[in-house]
PDB file of all heavy atoms in Angstrom:
ATOM      1  N   VAL A   1      -1.587  36.680  14.841  1.00  0.00           N
ATOM      2  CA  VAL A   1      -1.518  35.338  15.342  1.00  0.00           C
ATOM      3  C   VAL A   1      -1.642  34.359  14.161  1.00  0.00           C
ATOM      4  O   VAL A   1      -0.890  33.366  14.084  1.00  0.00           O
ATOM      5  CB  VAL A   1      -2.589  35.031  16.391  1.00  0.00           C
ATOM      6  CG1 VAL A   1      -2.743  33.567  16.674  1.00  0.00           C
ATOM      7  CG2 VAL A   1      -2.374  35.800  17.693  1.00  0.00           C
ATOM      8  N   GLU A   2      -2.536  34.615  13.215  1.00  0.00           N
ATOM      9  CA  GLU A   2      -2.711  33.787  12.073  1.00  0.00           C
ATOM     10  C   GLU A   2      -1.462  33.825  11.213  1.00  0.00           C
ATOM     11  O   GLU A   2      -1.002  32.734  10.668  1.00  0.00           O
ATOM     12  CB  GLU A   2      -3.897  34.215  11.233  1.00  0.00           C
ATOM     13  CG  GLU A   2      -5.235  33.868  11.911  1.00  0.00           C
ATOM     14  CD  GLU A   2      -6.429  34.390  11.074  1.00  0.00           C
ATOM     15  OE1 GLU A   2      -6.301  34.793   9.929  1.00  0.00           O
ATOM     16  OE2 GLU A   2      -7.552  34.324  11.642  1.00  0.00           O
ATOM     17  N   GLN A   3      -0.832  34.981  11.052  1.00  0.00           N
ATOM     18  CA  GLN A   3       0.414  35.093  10.331  1.00  0.00           C
ATOM     19  C   GLN A   3       1.532  34.307  10.973  1.00  0.00           C
ATOM     20  O   GLN A   3       2.292  33.581  10.350  1.00  0.00           O
ATOM     21  CB  GLN A   3       0.863  36.550  10.201  1.00  0.00           C
ATOM     22  CG  GLN A   3       2.196  36.834   9.496  1.00  0.00           C
ATOM     23  CD  GLN A   3       2.133  36.407   8.061  1.00  0.00           C
ATOM     24  OE1 GLN A   3       1.134  36.368   7.390  1.00  0.00           O
ATOM     25  NE2 GLN A   3       3.364  36.115   7.507  1.00  0.00           N
ATOM     26  N   ALA A   4       1.604  34.435  12.361  1.00  0.00           N
ATOM     27  CA  ALA A   4       2.584  33.646  13.048  1.00  0.00           C
ATOM     28  C   ALA A   4       2.436  32.129  12.918  1.00  0.00           C
ATOM     29  O   ALA A   4       3.370  31.371  12.713  1.00  0.00           O
ATOM     30  CB  ALA A   4       2.500  34.058  14.569  1.00  0.00           C
ATOM     31  N   ILE A   5       1.095  31.718  12.918  1.00  0.00           N
ATOM     32  CA  ILE A   5       0.810  30.260  12.751  1.00  0.00           C
ATOM     33  C   ILE A   5       1.283  29.831  11.374  1.00  0.00           C
ATOM     34  O   ILE A   5       1.887  28.774  11.243  1.00  0.00           O
ATOM     35  CB  ILE A   5      -0.665  30.003  12.942  1.00  0.00           C
ATOM     36  CG1 ILE A   5      -0.993  30.137  14.434  1.00  0.00           C
ATOM     37  CG2 ILE A   5      -1.031  28.636  12.475  1.00  0.00           C
ATOM     38  CD1 ILE A   5      -2.444  30.129  14.792  1.00  0.00           C
ATOM     39  N   ARG A   6       1.034  30.628  10.345  1.00  0.00           N
ATOM     40  CA  ARG A   6       1.482  30.290   8.958  1.00  0.00           C
ATOM     41  C   ARG A   6       2.987  30.192   8.879  1.00  0.00           C
ATOM     42  O   ARG A   6       3.517  29.251   8.301  1.00  0.00           O
ATOM     43  CB  ARG A   6       0.955  31.324   7.956  1.00  0.00           C
ATOM     44  CG  ARG A   6      -0.487  31.133   7.582  1.00  0.00           C
ATOM     45  CD  ARG A   6      -0.879  31.980   6.344  1.00  0.00           C
ATOM     46  NE  ARG A   6      -0.731  33.423   6.520  1.00  0.00           N
ATOM     47  CZ  ARG A   6      -1.633  34.229   7.077  1.00  0.00           C
ATOM     48  NH1 ARG A   6      -2.834  33.705   7.484  1.00  0.00           N
ATOM     49  NH2 ARG A   6      -1.471  35.520   7.225  1.00  0.00           N
ATOM     50  N   VAL A   7       3.660  31.186   9.484  1.00  0.00           N
ATOM     51  CA  VAL A   7       5.103  31.162   9.505  1.00  0.00           C
ATOM     52  C   VAL A   7       5.647  29.915  10.193  1.00  0.00           C
ATOM     53  O   VAL A   7       6.563  29.243   9.736  1.00  0.00           O
ATOM     54  CB  VAL A   7       5.703  32.402  10.178  1.00  0.00           C
ATOM     55  CG1 VAL A   7       7.186  32.272  10.426  1.00  0.00           C
ATOM     56  CG2 VAL A   7       5.430  33.586   9.243  1.00  0.00           C
ATOM     57  N   ILE A   8       4.998  29.581  11.384  1.00  0.00           N
ATOM     58  CA  ILE A   8       5.407  28.406  12.066  1.00  0.00           C
ATOM     59  C   ILE A   8       5.272  27.160  11.245  1.00  0.00           C
ATOM     60  O   ILE A   8       6.137  26.217  11.197  1.00  0.00           O
ATOM     61  CB  ILE A   8       4.700  28.323  13.432  1.00  0.00           C
ATOM     62  CG1 ILE A   8       5.200  29.351  14.393  1.00  0.00           C
ATOM     63  CG2 ILE A   8       4.881  26.899  14.058  1.00  0.00           C
ATOM     64  CD1 ILE A   8       4.342  29.513  15.612  1.00  0.00           C
ATOM     65  N   GLU A   9       4.089  27.018  10.587  1.00  0.00           N
ATOM     66  CA  GLU A   9       3.873  25.863   9.716  1.00  0.00           C
ATOM     67  C   GLU A   9       4.859  25.777   8.565  1.00  0.00           C
ATOM     68  O   GLU A   9       5.327  24.688   8.253  1.00  0.00           O
ATOM     69  CB  GLU A   9       2.432  25.908   9.182  1.00  0.00           C
ATOM     70  CG  GLU A   9       1.351  25.637  10.226  1.00  0.00           C
ATOM     71  CD  GLU A   9       1.512  24.277  10.904  1.00  0.00           C
ATOM     72  OE1 GLU A   9       1.787  23.306  10.225  1.00  0.00           O
ATOM     73  OE2 GLU A   9       1.319  24.269  12.166  1.00  0.00           O
ATOM     74  N   GLU A  10       5.197  26.924   7.936  1.00  0.00           N
ATOM     75  CA  GLU A  10       6.117  26.932   6.888  1.00  0.00           C
ATOM     76  C   GLU A  10       7.509  26.536   7.379  1.00  0.00           C
ATOM     77  O   GLU A  10       8.191  25.745   6.724  1.00  0.00           O
ATOM     78  CB  GLU A  10       6.213  28.342   6.277  1.00  0.00           C
ATOM     79  CG  GLU A  10       5.021  28.709   5.409  1.00  0.00           C
ATOM     80  CD  GLU A  10       5.038  30.161   4.993  1.00  0.00           C
ATOM     81  OE1 GLU A  10       6.046  30.888   5.317  1.00  0.00           O
ATOM     82  OE2 GLU A  10       4.075  30.561   4.355  1.00  0.00           O
ATOM     83  N   LEU A  11       7.855  26.955   8.615  1.00  0.00           N
ATOM     84  CA  LEU A  11       9.178  26.579   9.168  1.00  0.00           C
ATOM     85  C   LEU A  11       9.205  25.121   9.499  1.00  0.00           C
ATOM     86  O   LEU A  11      10.224  24.426   9.314  1.00  0.00           O
ATOM     87  CB  LEU A  11       9.425  27.430  10.395  1.00  0.00           C
ATOM     88  CG  LEU A  11       9.763  28.935  10.193  1.00  0.00           C
ATOM     89  CD1 LEU A  11       9.849  29.673  11.500  1.00  0.00           C
ATOM     90  CD2 LEU A  11      11.035  29.046   9.331  1.00  0.00           C
ATOM     91  N   LYS A  12       8.109  24.537   9.946  1.00  0.00           N
ATOM     92  CA  LYS A  12       8.089  23.087  10.214  1.00  0.00           C
ATOM     93  C   LYS A  12       8.211  22.307   8.975  1.00  0.00           C
ATOM     94  O   LYS A  12       8.937  21.306   8.922  1.00  0.00           O
ATOM     95  CB  LYS A  12       6.664  22.768  10.902  1.00  0.00           C
ATOM     96  CG  LYS A  12       6.566  23.109  12.331  1.00  0.00           C
ATOM     97  CD  LYS A  12       5.199  22.649  12.858  1.00  0.00           C
ATOM     98  CE  LYS A  12       4.974  23.018  14.300  1.00  0.00           C
ATOM     99  NZ  LYS A  12       3.701  22.587  14.794  1.00  0.00           N
ATOM    100  N   GLN A  13       7.593  22.801   7.883  1.00  0.00           N
ATOM    101  CA  GLN A  13       7.733  22.063   6.598  1.00  0.00           C
ATOM    102  C   GLN A  13       9.131  22.153   6.104  1.00  0.00           C
ATOM    103  O   GLN A  13       9.720  21.205   5.633  1.00  0.00           O
ATOM    104  CB  GLN A  13       6.765  22.648   5.570  1.00  0.00           C
ATOM    105  CG  GLN A  13       5.264  22.345   5.840  1.00  0.00           C
ATOM    106  CD  GLN A  13       4.331  23.079   4.912  1.00  0.00           C
ATOM    107  OE1 GLN A  13       4.759  23.831   4.073  1.00  0.00           O
ATOM    108  NE2 GLN A  13       3.048  22.764   5.042  1.00  0.00           N
ATOM    109  N   GLU A  14       9.715  23.346   6.225  1.00  0.00           N
ATOM    110  CA  GLU A  14      11.136  23.521   5.783  1.00  0.00           C
ATOM    111  C   GLU A  14      12.070  22.644   6.612  1.00  0.00           C
ATOM    112  O   GLU A  14      12.979  22.055   6.082  1.00  0.00           O
ATOM    113  CB  GLU A  14      11.488  25.027   5.911  1.00  0.00           C
ATOM    114  CG  GLU A  14      12.888  25.336   5.417  1.00  0.00           C
ATOM    115  CD  GLU A  14      13.211  26.794   5.453  1.00  0.00           C
ATOM    116  OE1 GLU A  14      12.290  27.607   5.632  1.00  0.00           O
ATOM    117  OE2 GLU A  14      14.424  27.121   5.337  1.00  0.00           O
ATOM    118  N   ARG A  15      11.811  22.580   7.948  1.00  0.00           N
ATOM    119  CA  ARG A  15      12.613  21.753   8.787  1.00  0.00           C
ATOM    120  C   ARG A  15      12.501  20.265   8.398  1.00  0.00           C
ATOM    121  O   ARG A  15      13.536  19.582   8.305  1.00  0.00           O
ATOM    122  CB  ARG A  15      12.150  21.881  10.276  1.00  0.00           C
ATOM    123  CG  ARG A  15      13.046  21.067  11.209  1.00  0.00           C
ATOM    124  CD  ARG A  15      12.572  21.125  12.614  1.00  0.00           C
ATOM    125  NE  ARG A  15      11.270  20.452  12.714  1.00  0.00           N
ATOM    126  CZ  ARG A  15      10.495  20.454  13.830  1.00  0.00           C
ATOM    127  NH1 ARG A  15      10.875  21.128  14.841  1.00  0.00           N
ATOM    128  NH2 ARG A  15       9.374  19.812  13.797  1.00  0.00           N
ATOM    129  N   GLU A  16      11.315  19.809   8.058  1.00  0.00           N
ATOM    130  CA  GLU A  16      11.117  18.413   7.627  1.00  0.00           C
ATOM    131  C   GLU A  16      11.874  18.143   6.295  1.00  0.00           C
ATOM    132  O   GLU A  16      12.484  17.133   6.129  1.00  0.00           O
ATOM    133  CB  GLU A  16       9.634  18.053   7.516  1.00  0.00           C
ATOM    134  CG  GLU A  16       8.940  17.918   8.839  1.00  0.00           C
ATOM    135  CD  GLU A  16       9.616  16.931   9.765  1.00  0.00           C
ATOM    136  OE1 GLU A  16       9.934  15.795   9.314  1.00  0.00           O
ATOM    137  OE2 GLU A  16       9.831  17.273  10.967  1.00  0.00           O
ATOM    138  N   ALA A  17      11.763  19.159   5.380  1.00  0.00           N
ATOM    139  CA  ALA A  17      12.458  18.984   4.115  1.00  0.00           C
ATOM    140  C   ALA A  17      13.998  18.950   4.340  1.00  0.00           C
ATOM    141  O   ALA A  17      14.699  18.148   3.714  1.00  0.00           O
ATOM    142  CB  ALA A  17      12.118  20.135   3.211  1.00  0.00           C
ATOM    143  N   LEU A  18      14.504  19.784   5.262  1.00  0.00           N
ATOM    144  CA  LEU A  18      15.923  19.804   5.544  1.00  0.00           C
ATOM    145  C   LEU A  18      16.363  18.522   6.223  1.00  0.00           C
ATOM    146  O   LEU A  18      17.452  17.991   5.991  1.00  0.00           O
ATOM    147  CB  LEU A  18      16.295  20.979   6.409  1.00  0.00           C
ATOM    148  CG  LEU A  18      16.170  22.363   5.651  1.00  0.00           C
ATOM    149  CD1 LEU A  18      16.381  23.533   6.690  1.00  0.00           C
ATOM    150  CD2 LEU A  18      17.247  22.457   4.555  1.00  0.00           C
ATOM    151  N   LYS A  19      15.535  17.953   7.115  1.00  0.00           N
ATOM    152  CA  LYS A  19      15.833  16.665   7.698  1.00  0.00           C
ATOM    153  C   LYS A  19      15.937  15.607   6.692  1.00  0.00           C
ATOM    154  O   LYS A  19      16.858  14.787   6.743  1.00  0.00           O
ATOM    155  CB  LYS A  19      14.683  16.311   8.735  1.00  0.00           C
ATOM    156  CG  LYS A  19      14.823  16.897  10.051  1.00  0.00           C
ATOM    157  CD  LYS A  19      13.701  16.323  10.982  1.00  0.00           C
ATOM    158  CE  LYS A  19      13.748  16.932  12.360  1.00  0.00           C
ATOM    159  NZ  LYS A  19      12.712  16.334  13.196  1.00  0.00           N
ATOM    160  N   THR A  20      15.028  15.581   5.743  1.00  0.00           N
ATOM    161  CA  THR A  20      15.002  14.588   4.703  1.00  0.00           C
ATOM    162  C   THR A  20      16.277  14.733   3.842  1.00  0.00           C
ATOM    163  O   THR A  20      16.962  13.794   3.499  1.00  0.00           O
ATOM    164  CB  THR A  20      13.801  14.744   3.814  1.00  0.00           C
ATOM    165  OG1 THR A  20      12.628  14.512   4.636  1.00  0.00           O
ATOM    166  CG2 THR A  20      13.795  13.763   2.683  1.00  0.00           C
ATOM    167  N   GLU A  21      16.617  15.988   3.529  1.00  0.00           N
ATOM    168  CA  GLU A  21      17.787  16.277   2.715  1.00  0.00           C
ATOM    169  C   GLU A  21      19.074  15.866   3.467  1.00  0.00           C
ATOM    170  O   GLU A  21      19.943  15.291   2.913  1.00  0.00           O
ATOM    171  CB  GLU A  21      17.857  17.786   2.360  1.00  0.00           C
ATOM    172  CG  GLU A  21      18.940  18.125   1.439  1.00  0.00           C
ATOM    173  CD  GLU A  21      18.908  19.656   1.082  1.00  0.00           C
ATOM    174  OE1 GLU A  21      17.854  20.270   1.215  1.00  0.00           O
ATOM    175  OE2 GLU A  21      19.996  20.151   0.662  1.00  0.00           O
ATOM    176  N   LEU A  22      19.118  16.139   4.736  1.00  0.00           N
ATOM    177  CA  LEU A  22      20.248  15.703   5.603  1.00  0.00           C
ATOM    178  C   LEU A  22      20.373  14.238   5.566  1.00  0.00           C
ATOM    179  O   LEU A  22      21.528  13.694   5.481  1.00  0.00           O
ATOM    180  CB  LEU A  22      20.134  16.324   7.001  1.00  0.00           C
ATOM    181  CG  LEU A  22      21.190  15.943   7.997  1.00  0.00           C
ATOM    182  CD1 LEU A  22      22.519  16.370   7.540  1.00  0.00           C
ATOM    183  CD2 LEU A  22      20.874  16.406   9.385  1.00  0.00           C
ATOM    184  N   HIS A  23      19.275  13.525   5.821  1.00  0.00           N
ATOM    185  CA  HIS A  23      19.298  12.122   5.842  1.00  0.00           C
ATOM    186  C   HIS A  23      19.817  11.539   4.557  1.00  0.00           C
ATOM    187  O   HIS A  23      20.627  10.652   4.553  1.00  0.00           O
ATOM    188  CB  HIS A  23      17.898  11.551   6.142  1.00  0.00           C
ATOM    189  CG  HIS A  23      17.807  10.092   6.156  1.00  0.00           C
ATOM    190  ND1 HIS A  23      18.347   9.290   7.179  1.00  0.00           N
ATOM    191  CD2 HIS A  23      17.293   9.178   5.238  1.00  0.00           C
ATOM    192  CE1 HIS A  23      18.142   7.973   6.897  1.00  0.00           C
ATOM    193  NE2 HIS A  23      17.520   7.905   5.725  1.00  0.00           N
ATOM    194  N   SER A  24      19.338  12.065   3.411  1.00  0.00           N
ATOM    195  CA  SER A  24      19.824  11.626   2.122  1.00  0.00           C
ATOM    196  C   SER A  24      21.310  11.874   1.949  1.00  0.00           C
ATOM    197  O   SER A  24      22.048  11.048   1.442  1.00  0.00           O
ATOM    198  CB  SER A  24      19.041  12.333   0.972  1.00  0.00           C
ATOM    199  OG  SER A  24      17.679  11.947   1.069  1.00  0.00           O
ATOM    200  N   ALA A  25      21.712  13.100   2.392  1.00  0.00           N
ATOM    201  CA  ALA A  25      23.124  13.415   2.262  1.00  0.00           C
ATOM    202  C   ALA A  25      24.035  12.498   3.135  1.00  0.00           C
ATOM    203  O   ALA A  25      25.093  12.039   2.677  1.00  0.00           O
ATOM    204  CB  ALA A  25      23.403  14.901   2.602  1.00  0.00           C
ATOM    205  N   LEU A  26      23.559  12.157   4.357  1.00  0.00           N
ATOM    206  CA  LEU A  26      24.325  11.327   5.180  1.00  0.00           C
ATOM    207  C   LEU A  26      24.415   9.892   4.595  1.00  0.00           C
ATOM    208  O   LEU A  26      25.452   9.236   4.679  1.00  0.00           O
ATOM    209  CB  LEU A  26      23.713  11.289   6.582  1.00  0.00           C
ATOM    210  CG  LEU A  26      23.878  12.560   7.418  1.00  0.00           C
ATOM    211  CD1 LEU A  26      23.107  12.478   8.733  1.00  0.00           C
ATOM    212  CD2 LEU A  26      25.403  12.875   7.735  1.00  0.00           C
ATOM    213  N   GLU A  27      23.325   9.469   4.080  1.00  0.00           N
ATOM    214  CA  GLU A  27      23.277   8.150   3.431  1.00  0.00           C
ATOM    215  C   GLU A  27      24.171   8.075   2.190  1.00  0.00           C
ATOM    216  O   GLU A  27      24.952   7.138   2.033  1.00  0.00           O
ATOM    217  CB  GLU A  27      21.855   7.813   2.976  1.00  0.00           C
ATOM    218  CG  GLU A  27      21.622   6.403   2.469  1.00  0.00           C
ATOM    219  CD  GLU A  27      20.188   6.063   2.141  1.00  0.00           C
ATOM    220  OE1 GLU A  27      19.302   6.575   2.898  1.00  0.00           O
ATOM    221  OE2 GLU A  27      19.955   5.419   1.126  1.00  0.00           O
ATOM    222  N   ALA A  28      24.185   9.157   1.406  1.00  0.00           N
ATOM    223  CA  ALA A  28      25.083   9.213   0.210  1.00  0.00           C
ATOM    224  C   ALA A  28      26.556   9.233   0.682  1.00  0.00           C
ATOM    225  O   ALA A  28      27.398   8.601   0.094  1.00  0.00           O
ATOM    226  CB  ALA A  28      24.755  10.457  -0.602  1.00  0.00           C
ATOM    227  N   ARG A  29      26.795   9.975   1.766  1.00  0.00           N
ATOM    228  CA  ARG A  29      28.171  10.039   2.329  1.00  0.00           C
ATOM    229  C   ARG A  29      28.631   8.578   2.772  1.00  0.00           C
ATOM    230  O   ARG A  29      29.701   8.180   2.435  1.00  0.00           O
ATOM    231  CB  ARG A  29      28.303  10.965   3.487  1.00  0.00           C
ATOM    232  CG  ARG A  29      29.705  11.119   3.977  1.00  0.00           C
ATOM    233  CD  ARG A  29      29.798  12.023   5.189  1.00  0.00           C
ATOM    234  NE  ARG A  29      29.784  11.162   6.340  1.00  0.00           N
ATOM    235  CZ  ARG A  29      29.802  11.609   7.566  1.00  0.00           C
ATOM    236  NH1 ARG A  29      29.748  12.919   7.818  1.00  0.00           N
ATOM    237  NH2 ARG A  29      29.803  10.752   8.611  1.00  0.00           N
ATOM    238  N   GLY A  30      27.769   7.904   3.447  1.00  0.00           N
ATOM    239  CA  GLY A  30      28.073   6.564   3.808  1.00  0.00           C
ATOM    240  C   GLY A  30      28.330   5.682   2.630  1.00  0.00           C
ATOM    241  O   GLY A  30      29.307   4.907   2.676  1.00  0.00           O
ATOM    242  N   ASN A  31      27.527   5.786   1.624  1.00  0.00           N
ATOM    243  CA  ASN A  31      27.733   4.986   0.412  1.00  0.00           C
ATOM    244  C   ASN A  31      29.060   5.331  -0.231  1.00  0.00           C
ATOM    245  O   ASN A  31      29.817   4.438  -0.704  1.00  0.00           O
ATOM    246  CB  ASN A  31      26.596   5.163  -0.598  1.00  0.00           C
ATOM    247  CG  ASN A  31      25.328   4.541  -0.057  1.00  0.00           C
ATOM    248  OD1 ASN A  31      25.281   3.674   0.752  1.00  0.00           O
ATOM    249  ND2 ASN A  31      24.222   5.056  -0.592  1.00  0.00           N
ATOM    250  N   LEU A  32      29.345   6.651  -0.286  1.00  0.00           N
ATOM    251  CA  LEU A  32      30.644   7.072  -0.879  1.00  0.00           C
ATOM    252  C   LEU A  32      31.846   6.523  -0.089  1.00  0.00           C
ATOM    253  O   LEU A  32      32.835   6.184  -0.618  1.00  0.00           O
ATOM    254  CB  LEU A  32      30.711   8.557  -0.996  1.00  0.00           C
ATOM    255  CG  LEU A  32      29.811   9.153  -2.114  1.00  0.00           C
ATOM    256  CD1 LEU A  32      29.852  10.723  -1.973  1.00  0.00           C
ATOM    257  CD2 LEU A  32      30.270   8.745  -3.471  1.00  0.00           C
ATOM    258  N   GLU A  33      31.713   6.602   1.283  1.00  0.00           N
ATOM    259  CA  GLU A  33      32.794   6.108   2.124  1.00  0.00           C
ATOM    260  C   GLU A  33      33.057   4.618   1.854  1.00  0.00           C
ATOM    261  O   GLU A  33      34.177   4.155   1.795  1.00  0.00           O
ATOM    262  CB  GLU A  33      32.489   6.385   3.595  1.00  0.00           C
ATOM    263  CG  GLU A  33      32.581   7.838   3.999  1.00  0.00           C
ATOM    264  CD  GLU A  33      32.135   8.099   5.412  1.00  0.00           C
ATOM    265  OE1 GLU A  33      31.449   7.232   5.977  1.00  0.00           O
ATOM    266  OE2 GLU A  33      32.452   9.189   5.854  1.00  0.00           O
ATOM    267  N   LYS A  34      31.952   3.887   1.725  1.00  0.00           N
ATOM    268  CA  LYS A  34      32.120   2.400   1.378  1.00  0.00           C
ATOM    269  C   LYS A  34      32.767   2.184   0.080  1.00  0.00           C
ATOM    270  O   LYS A  34      33.610   1.382  -0.105  1.00  0.00           O
ATOM    271  CB  LYS A  34      30.717   1.728   1.360  1.00  0.00           C
ATOM    272  CG  LYS A  34      30.106   1.589   2.766  1.00  0.00           C
ATOM    273  CD  LYS A  34      28.697   0.991   2.665  1.00  0.00           C
ATOM    274  CE  LYS A  34      28.008   0.936   3.992  1.00  0.00           C
ATOM    275  NZ  LYS A  34      26.648   0.522   3.929  1.00  0.00           N
ATOM    276  N   GLU A  35      32.347   3.033  -0.940  1.00  0.00           N
ATOM    277  CA  GLU A  35      32.914   2.907  -2.285  1.00  0.00           C
ATOM    278  C   GLU A  35      34.429   3.274  -2.297  1.00  0.00           C
ATOM    279  O   GLU A  35      35.194   2.573  -2.885  1.00  0.00           O
ATOM    280  CB  GLU A  35      32.192   3.874  -3.277  1.00  0.00           C
ATOM    281  CG  GLU A  35      32.440   3.613  -4.679  1.00  0.00           C
ATOM    282  CD  GLU A  35      31.602   4.442  -5.630  1.00  0.00           C
ATOM    283  OE1 GLU A  35      30.456   4.697  -5.288  1.00  0.00           O
ATOM    284  OE2 GLU A  35      32.150   4.778  -6.706  1.00  0.00           O
ATOM    285  N   VAL A  36      34.720   4.329  -1.521  1.00  0.00           N
ATOM    286  CA  VAL A  36      36.128   4.722  -1.390  1.00  0.00           C
ATOM    287  C   VAL A  36      36.950   3.596  -0.771  1.00  0.00           C
ATOM    288  O   VAL A  36      38.094   3.283  -1.235  1.00  0.00           O
ATOM    289  CB  VAL A  36      36.326   6.029  -0.626  1.00  0.00           C
ATOM    290  CG1 VAL A  36      37.763   6.306  -0.153  1.00  0.00           C
ATOM    291  CG2 VAL A  36      35.782   7.220  -1.461  1.00  0.00           C
ATOM    292  N   ALA A  37      36.436   3.020   0.254  1.00  0.00           N
ATOM    293  CA  ALA A  37      37.153   1.907   0.968  1.00  0.00           C
ATOM    294  C   ALA A  37      37.310   0.742  -0.002  1.00  0.00           C
ATOM    295  O   ALA A  37      38.433   0.125  -0.019  1.00  0.00           O
ATOM    296  CB  ALA A  37      36.353   1.456   2.167  1.00  0.00           C
ATOM    297  N   GLN A  38      36.296   0.426  -0.812  1.00  0.00           N
ATOM    298  CA  GLN A  38      36.449  -0.661  -1.840  1.00  0.00           C
ATOM    299  C   GLN A  38      37.538  -0.301  -2.864  1.00  0.00           C
ATOM    300  O   GLN A  38      38.361  -1.123  -3.160  1.00  0.00           O
ATOM    301  CB  GLN A  38      35.115  -0.847  -2.516  1.00  0.00           C
ATOM    302  CG  GLN A  38      34.075  -1.551  -1.646  1.00  0.00           C
ATOM    303  CD  GLN A  38      32.700  -1.616  -2.326  1.00  0.00           C
ATOM    304  OE1 GLN A  38      32.458  -0.901  -3.378  1.00  0.00           O
ATOM    305  NE2 GLN A  38      31.845  -2.376  -1.798  1.00  0.00           N
ATOM    306  N   HIS A  39      37.547   0.943  -3.305  1.00  0.00           N
ATOM    307  CA  HIS A  39      38.545   1.365  -4.272  1.00  0.00           C
ATOM    308  C   HIS A  39      39.880   1.356  -3.670  1.00  0.00           C
ATOM    309  O   HIS A  39      40.902   0.980  -4.354  1.00  0.00           O
ATOM    310  CB  HIS A  39      38.178   2.708  -4.909  1.00  0.00           C
ATOM    311  CG  HIS A  39      37.056   2.704  -5.856  1.00  0.00           C
ATOM    312  ND1 HIS A  39      37.052   1.963  -7.012  1.00  0.00           N
ATOM    313  CD2 HIS A  39      35.919   3.335  -5.811  1.00  0.00           C
ATOM    314  CE1 HIS A  39      35.928   2.133  -7.649  1.00  0.00           C
ATOM    315  NE2 HIS A  39      35.203   2.948  -6.923  1.00  0.00           N
ATOM    316  N   GLN A  40      40.025   1.707  -2.449  1.00  0.00           N
ATOM    317  CA  GLN A  40      41.301   1.677  -1.756  1.00  0.00           C
ATOM    318  C   GLN A  40      41.849   0.249  -1.634  1.00  0.00           C
ATOM    319  O   GLN A  40      43.033  -0.008  -1.861  1.00  0.00           O
ATOM    320  CB  GLN A  40      41.245   2.299  -0.389  1.00  0.00           C
ATOM    321  CG  GLN A  40      41.175   3.770  -0.424  1.00  0.00           C
ATOM    322  CD  GLN A  40      40.989   4.437   0.982  1.00  0.00           C
ATOM    323  OE1 GLN A  40      40.507   3.809   1.921  1.00  0.00           O
ATOM    324  NE2 GLN A  40      41.434   5.659   1.102  1.00  0.00           N
ATOM    325  N   GLU A  41      40.948  -0.678  -1.343  1.00  0.00           N
ATOM    326  CA  GLU A  41      41.313  -2.082  -1.310  1.00  0.00           C
ATOM    327  C   GLU A  41      41.764  -2.554  -2.658  1.00  0.00           C
ATOM    328  O   GLU A  41      42.789  -3.291  -2.796  1.00  0.00           O
ATOM    329  CB  GLU A  41      40.160  -2.945  -0.775  1.00  0.00           C
ATOM    330  CG  GLU A  41      40.514  -4.428  -0.677  1.00  0.00           C
ATOM    331  CD  GLU A  41      41.601  -4.747   0.291  1.00  0.00           C
ATOM    332  OE1 GLU A  41      41.875  -4.006   1.221  1.00  0.00           O
ATOM    333  OE2 GLU A  41      42.302  -5.765   0.039  1.00  0.00           O
ATOM    334  N   GLU A  42      41.022  -2.235  -3.702  1.00  0.00           N
ATOM    335  CA  GLU A  42      41.405  -2.602  -5.080  1.00  0.00           C
ATOM    336  C   GLU A  42      42.770  -2.081  -5.431  1.00  0.00           C
ATOM    337  O   GLU A  42      43.585  -2.690  -6.039  1.00  0.00           O
ATOM    338  CB  GLU A  42      40.309  -2.127  -6.068  1.00  0.00           C
ATOM    339  CG  GLU A  42      39.023  -2.876  -5.973  1.00  0.00           C
ATOM    340  CD  GLU A  42      37.957  -2.290  -6.896  1.00  0.00           C
ATOM    341  OE1 GLU A  42      38.303  -1.476  -7.841  1.00  0.00           O
ATOM    342  OE2 GLU A  42      36.726  -2.569  -6.616  1.00  0.00           O
ATOM    343  N   PHE A  43      42.981  -0.782  -5.080  1.00  0.00           N
ATOM    344  CA  PHE A  43      44.232  -0.083  -5.356  1.00  0.00           C
ATOM    345  C   PHE A  43      45.346  -0.798  -4.653  1.00  0.00           C
ATOM    346  O   PHE A  43      46.422  -1.048  -5.221  1.00  0.00           O
ATOM    347  CB  PHE A  43      44.118   1.354  -4.913  1.00  0.00           C
ATOM    348  CG  PHE A  43      45.423   2.152  -5.088  1.00  0.00           C
ATOM    349  CD1 PHE A  43      45.843   2.506  -6.306  1.00  0.00           C
ATOM    350  CD2 PHE A  43      46.206   2.459  -3.994  1.00  0.00           C
ATOM    351  CE1 PHE A  43      47.061   3.212  -6.490  1.00  0.00           C
ATOM    352  CE2 PHE A  43      47.431   3.149  -4.151  1.00  0.00           C
ATOM    353  CZ  PHE A  43      47.828   3.510  -5.381  1.00  0.00           C
TER     354      PHE A  43
END
């Protein structure tokens, strides 16, 4: 049970890290899409 609890806690931490990474990636994608749109307008 203690081992299962440790695994669950590790998985929760990993999930939070992945959520943060996903949020950052989505934000970066949005910024890149804006930048591409600006460059297309300049072009």
